[in-house]
Amino acid sequence: MSTASKHRMPCPHCGHNMRVRNSQGLTPVYREGVVECRNVECGFRGKAGFQVLHTLTPSDIPNARVNLPFAPRLIQQMQLDITRPAANDERYEG
């Protein structure tokens, strides 16, 4: 079974896949790395950043140093769920 990532970042110049040559975690939610184009005729190299932006599902073992907001769409959905009556919520009239 292969553990290679299926996520690819295309070169901004020629469109071939790039590879990460090295990377460094600067914070618990942000990494930077040097990327290079796999197309030898292109030769592009650059610095890329990768950041975790929002929480979609909270961790069961949260890191106290990490405070990621919920995704805006998730907040909207939770607000709708709170204000919308349940389908089986019937008033008892006896």
Protein backbone atom coordinates (compact mmCIF):
# COMPACT_ATOMS: atom_id res chain seq x y z
CA MET A 1 0.00 0.00 0.00
CA SER A 2 1.43 3.36 -1.04
CA THR A 3 1.60 6.22 1.45
CA ALA A 4 2.36 8.86 -1.20
CA SER A 5 0.11 11.90 -1.11
CA LYS A 6 -2.42 12.22 -3.90
CA HIS A 7 -2.64 15.99 -3.40
CA ARG A 8 -0.71 17.90 -6.01
CA MET A 9 0.24 21.52 -6.48
CA PRO A 10 0.77 22.61 -10.09
CA CYS A 11 3.64 24.86 -11.09
CA PRO A 12 2.28 28.40 -11.55
CA HIS A 13 4.29 28.71 -14.78
CA CYS A 14 4.11 25.44 -16.73
CA GLY A 15 1.39 23.49 -14.85
CA HIS A 16 3.49 20.38 -14.09
CA ASN A 17 3.36 19.00 -10.56
CA MET A 18 5.76 20.46 -8.03
CA ARG A 19 7.41 18.65 -5.14
CA VAL A 20 8.28 19.89 -1.67
CA ARG A 21 12.03 19.80 -1.18
CA ASN A 22 11.90 20.61 2.53
CA SER A 23 9.45 22.15 4.95
CA GLN A 24 9.40 23.57 8.43
CA GLY A 25 6.56 23.89 10.90
CA LEU A 26 6.50 27.48 12.14
CA THR A 27 3.38 27.16 14.30
CA PRO A 28 1.03 24.27 15.12
CA VAL A 29 -1.18 25.35 12.18
CA TYR A 30 1.34 26.73 9.64
CA ARG A 31 4.21 25.23 7.59
CA GLU A 32 6.47 26.72 4.95
CA GLY A 33 8.55 24.85 2.43
CA VAL A 34 10.60 25.11 -0.72
CA VAL A 35 8.84 23.72 -3.77
CA GLU A 36 10.28 22.93 -7.16
CA CYS A 37 8.75 22.10 -10.52
CA ARG A 38 9.29 18.53 -11.69
CA ASN A 39 9.53 19.75 -15.30
CA VAL A 40 13.29 20.04 -15.90
CA GLU A 41 12.64 22.40 -18.81
CA CYS A 42 10.87 24.85 -16.47
CA GLY A 43 13.14 24.83 -13.42
CA PHE A 44 10.88 26.98 -11.21
CA ARG A 45 11.56 26.99 -7.45
CA GLY A 46 9.63 28.93 -4.85
CA LYS A 47 8.47 29.08 -1.26
CA ALA A 48 5.01 27.84 -0.35
CA GLY A 49 2.92 28.01 2.79
CA PHE A 50 0.34 25.56 4.10
CA GLN A 51 -2.10 26.65 6.80
CA VAL A 52 -5.00 25.04 8.65
CA LEU A 53 -7.70 27.73 8.54
CA HIS A 54 -10.85 26.45 10.24
CA THR A 55 -12.25 23.70 12.44
CA LEU A 56 -14.75 21.41 10.74
CA THR A 57 -14.88 18.80 13.53
CA PRO A 58 -13.40 19.53 16.97
CA SER A 59 -10.53 17.38 18.20
CA ASP A 60 -11.12 14.85 20.95
CA ILE A 61 -7.63 15.69 22.26
CA PRO A 62 -7.38 19.49 21.75
CA ASN A 63 -4.09 21.38 22.00
CA ALA A 64 -4.51 24.34 24.38
CA ARG A 65 -2.16 26.41 22.18
CA VAL A 66 -4.41 26.04 19.13
CA ASN A 67 -7.51 28.20 18.70
CA LEU A 68 -9.02 27.60 15.28
CA PRO A 69 -12.42 29.13 14.57
CA PHE A 70 -15.22 27.03 13.14
CA ALA A 71 -15.71 27.39 9.39
CA PRO A 72 -18.21 30.19 8.61
CA ARG A 73 -20.51 27.81 6.72
CA LEU A 74 -20.56 25.45 9.71
CA ILE A 75 -21.51 28.32 12.04
CA GLN A 76 -24.36 29.31 9.71
CA GLN A 77 -25.61 25.72 9.65
CA MET A 78 -25.46 25.43 13.45
CA GLN A 79 -27.44 28.69 13.81
CA LEU A 80 -30.10 27.37 11.41
CA ASP A 81 -30.29 24.10 13.32
CA ILE A 82 -30.80 25.95 16.61
CA THR A 83 -33.61 28.18 15.31
CA ARG A 84 -35.41 25.53 13.23
CA PRO A 85 -37.96 23.41 15.16
CA ALA A 86 -37.42 19.67 15.03
CA ALA A 87 -39.60 17.74 12.59
CA ASN A 88 -41.18 15.73 15.41
CA ASP A 89 -41.63 18.71 17.75
CA GLU A 90 -45.40 18.76 18.20
CA ARG A 91 -47.25 20.76 20.78
CA TYR A 92 -49.17 18.62 23.21
CA GLU A 93 -52.73 19.80 23.49
CA GLY A 94 -54.70 17.79 25.89
